[in-house]
Protein backbone atom coordinates (compact mmCIF):
# COMPACT_ATOMS: atom_id res chain seq x y z
CA MET A 1 -1.44 -37.32 28.21
CA ARG A 2 -5.09 -37.37 27.48
CA ILE A 3 -6.76 -33.98 27.58
CA ASN A 4 -10.43 -33.78 27.82
CA ILE A 5 -12.77 -30.45 26.74
CA TYR A 6 -15.95 -30.09 28.44
CA GLN A 7 -19.00 -28.22 28.66
CA THR A 8 -21.57 -27.50 31.03
CA ARG A 9 -25.16 -28.57 30.72
CA PHE A 10 -28.37 -28.70 33.05
CA GLY A 11 -29.74 -32.24 33.38
CA GLU A 12 -33.32 -32.79 34.15
CA ASP A 13 -33.41 -31.75 37.56
CA LYS A 14 -31.50 -28.49 36.45
CA SER A 15 -28.35 -29.66 38.30
CA ILE A 16 -25.15 -28.37 36.24
CA SER A 17 -22.77 -31.32 35.26
CA LEU A 18 -19.77 -31.50 33.14
CA VAL A 19 -20.17 -33.01 29.72
CA LYS A 20 -17.30 -34.24 27.82
CA GLU A 21 -17.09 -32.78 24.40
CA SER A 22 -13.80 -34.32 22.79
CA SER A 23 -11.04 -35.82 23.69
CA GLY A 24 -7.32 -36.10 22.49
CA ASN A 25 -3.77 -37.41 23.06
CA TYR A 26 -1.43 -34.50 23.79
CA PRO A 27 2.04 -36.53 25.11
CA GLU A 28 4.17 -33.66 25.09
CA PHE A 29 1.74 -31.56 27.08
CA GLN A 30 1.81 -33.94 30.47
CA CYS A 31 1.80 -30.77 32.78
CA VAL A 32 1.12 -27.38 32.12
CA ASP A 33 4.52 -25.73 34.02
CA SER A 34 5.14 -22.72 32.04
CA PRO A 35 3.19 -19.85 30.10
CA GLU A 36 5.38 -21.07 26.90
CA ASN A 37 4.02 -24.77 27.53
CA CYS A 38 0.55 -23.44 27.69
CA ALA A 39 0.40 -21.26 24.66
CA LYS A 40 1.76 -24.45 22.80
CA MET A 41 -0.95 -26.64 23.94
CA MET A 42 -3.42 -23.96 23.05
CA GLU A 43 -2.51 -23.73 19.52
CA SER A 44 -2.10 -27.51 19.37
CA VAL A 45 -5.54 -28.03 20.73
CA PHE A 46 -7.38 -24.95 19.41
CA GLU A 47 -5.27 -23.47 16.79
CA ALA A 48 -5.90 -20.41 18.95
CA SER A 49 -4.21 -17.43 17.02
CA LYS A 50 -5.76 -18.75 13.55
CA LEU A 51 -9.58 -18.10 14.89
CA THR A 52 -11.24 -15.14 13.53
CA GLU A 53 -13.48 -14.15 16.51
CA GLU A 54 -12.04 -13.81 19.95
CA ARG A 55 -12.69 -16.81 22.46
CA PHE A 56 -12.16 -17.12 26.24
CA TRP A 57 -10.74 -20.44 27.35
CA LEU A 58 -10.60 -21.91 31.00
CA ILE A 59 -7.29 -24.51 31.64
CA ALA A 60 -8.58 -26.25 35.21
CA LEU A 61 -5.65 -27.96 36.66
CA ASN A 62 -5.38 -30.48 39.36
CA GLY A 63 -2.66 -30.13 41.89
CA ALA A 64 -0.14 -31.90 40.12
CA ARG A 65 -0.58 -29.15 37.21
CA LYS A 66 -2.22 -31.61 35.06
CA VAL A 67 -5.08 -30.70 32.92
CA ALA A 68 -8.22 -31.61 34.75
CA GLY A 69 -10.58 -30.23 32.13
CA LEU A 70 -10.43 -27.44 29.16
CA PHE A 71 -13.29 -25.12 28.63
CA GLU A 72 -14.28 -22.68 25.96
CA VAL A 73 -16.08 -20.02 28.28
CA SER A 74 -17.17 -17.44 25.84
CA ARG A 75 -16.85 -16.83 22.50
CA GLY A 76 -17.22 -13.09 21.03
CA THR A 77 -16.31 -10.98 18.07
CA LEU A 78 -13.41 -10.00 16.26
CA MET A 79 -12.42 -7.35 19.23
CA SER A 80 -14.12 -8.90 22.24
CA SER A 81 -15.88 -11.39 24.48
CA LEU A 82 -17.75 -11.50 27.51
CA VAL A 83 -16.77 -13.24 30.82
CA HIS A 84 -17.56 -13.29 34.25
CA PRO A 85 -15.94 -14.89 37.24
CA ARG A 86 -19.38 -16.97 37.72
CA GLU A 87 -18.82 -18.87 34.35
CA VAL A 88 -15.12 -19.51 35.00
CA PHE A 89 -15.58 -20.70 38.62
CA GLN A 90 -18.40 -22.70 38.03
CA ARG A 91 -16.37 -24.99 35.42
CA ALA A 92 -13.18 -24.86 37.62
CA ILE A 93 -15.53 -26.42 40.57
CA LEU A 94 -16.76 -28.96 38.67
CA ALA A 95 -13.69 -29.93 37.08
CA GLY A 96 -11.99 -30.25 40.56
CA ALA A 97 -9.53 -27.54 39.89
CA ALA A 98 -6.74 -26.85 42.20
CA SER A 99 -5.42 -23.79 40.23
CA ILE A 100 -6.51 -22.30 36.77
CA ILE A 101 -5.39 -20.66 33.76
CA ILE A 102 -7.32 -18.11 31.86
CA VAL A 103 -6.67 -17.77 27.99
CA HIS A 104 -8.22 -15.80 25.30
CA ASN A 105 -7.16 -15.03 21.92
CA HIS A 106 -6.58 -11.37 20.15
CA PRO A 107 -7.87 -12.15 16.39
CA SER A 108 -6.69 -8.65 15.31
CA GLY A 109 -2.88 -9.98 15.90
CA THR A 110 -1.97 -7.36 18.71
CA LEU A 111 -0.70 -8.48 22.01
CA HIS A 112 -1.77 -5.24 23.57
CA ILE A 113 -3.19 -5.88 27.08
CA SER A 114 -6.17 -3.47 27.18
CA GLU A 115 -7.62 -2.15 30.42
CA GLN A 116 -10.61 -4.61 29.82
CA ASP A 117 -7.96 -7.43 29.97
CA ARG A 118 -6.59 -6.25 33.25
CA GLU A 119 -10.04 -5.97 34.61
CA VAL A 120 -10.93 -9.40 33.98
CA THR A 121 -7.72 -10.62 35.14
CA ARG A 122 -8.51 -8.82 38.50
CA LYS A 123 -11.89 -9.82 39.26
CA ILE A 124 -10.77 -13.60 38.32
CA LYS A 125 -7.75 -13.19 40.75
CA ALA A 126 -10.05 -11.73 43.65
CA ALA A 127 -12.82 -14.39 42.84
CA GLY A 128 -9.99 -17.21 43.01
CA GLU A 129 -8.74 -15.86 46.39
CA LEU A 130 -12.12 -16.35 48.19
CA LEU A 131 -12.48 -19.83 46.54
CA GLY A 132 -8.98 -21.11 47.30
CA ILE A 133 -8.29 -21.80 43.59
CA GLU A 134 -5.51 -19.77 42.55
CA LEU A 135 -5.02 -18.14 39.05
CA ASP A 136 -1.78 -18.92 37.83
CA ASP A 137 -1.80 -16.64 34.61
CA HIS A 138 -4.03 -15.03 32.05
CA LEU A 139 -2.60 -15.43 28.33
CA ILE A 140 -3.39 -13.58 25.42
CA ILE A 141 -2.49 -15.47 22.05
CA ALA A 142 -2.09 -13.65 19.01
CA GLU A 143 -0.12 -14.85 15.51
CA GLY A 144 1.41 -17.66 17.01
CA ASP A 145 3.00 -15.76 20.21
CA PHE A 146 1.63 -14.81 23.60
CA ILE A 147 1.91 -12.47 26.29
CA SER A 148 0.83 -12.47 29.99
CA ALA A 149 -1.79 -10.43 31.56
CA MET A 150 -0.59 -11.10 34.68
């Protein structure tokens, strides 16, 4: 399967659009149908557990659970990154997502779910319910392993 990684940009008229940043073939990820499969994809595409600062990604899925777009939403420091539902769903809507998975890494190597992680999950889930875009999962990746914050 071809997976496209996108950025959002303002056009000349200040409208927001998707711009393909890169693309790659990942035939082993025909659809994202399990947390294990999702974590493996993030390791394949981004080497998520090897990064030295925290990053927050969005996987936009179509109705068949195929990747409609992959986005880095924010990049932080060793211990944190900022994320707001507005930035997540702007990208999800532009990608035509039926559902989403959010993922972030813990460079510290711990799979501890912090209160901040739980709060982000609650906010994004609530926003998705209003918009009709379901939050399927929130994965935290560290040292080649993962945990769900849902």
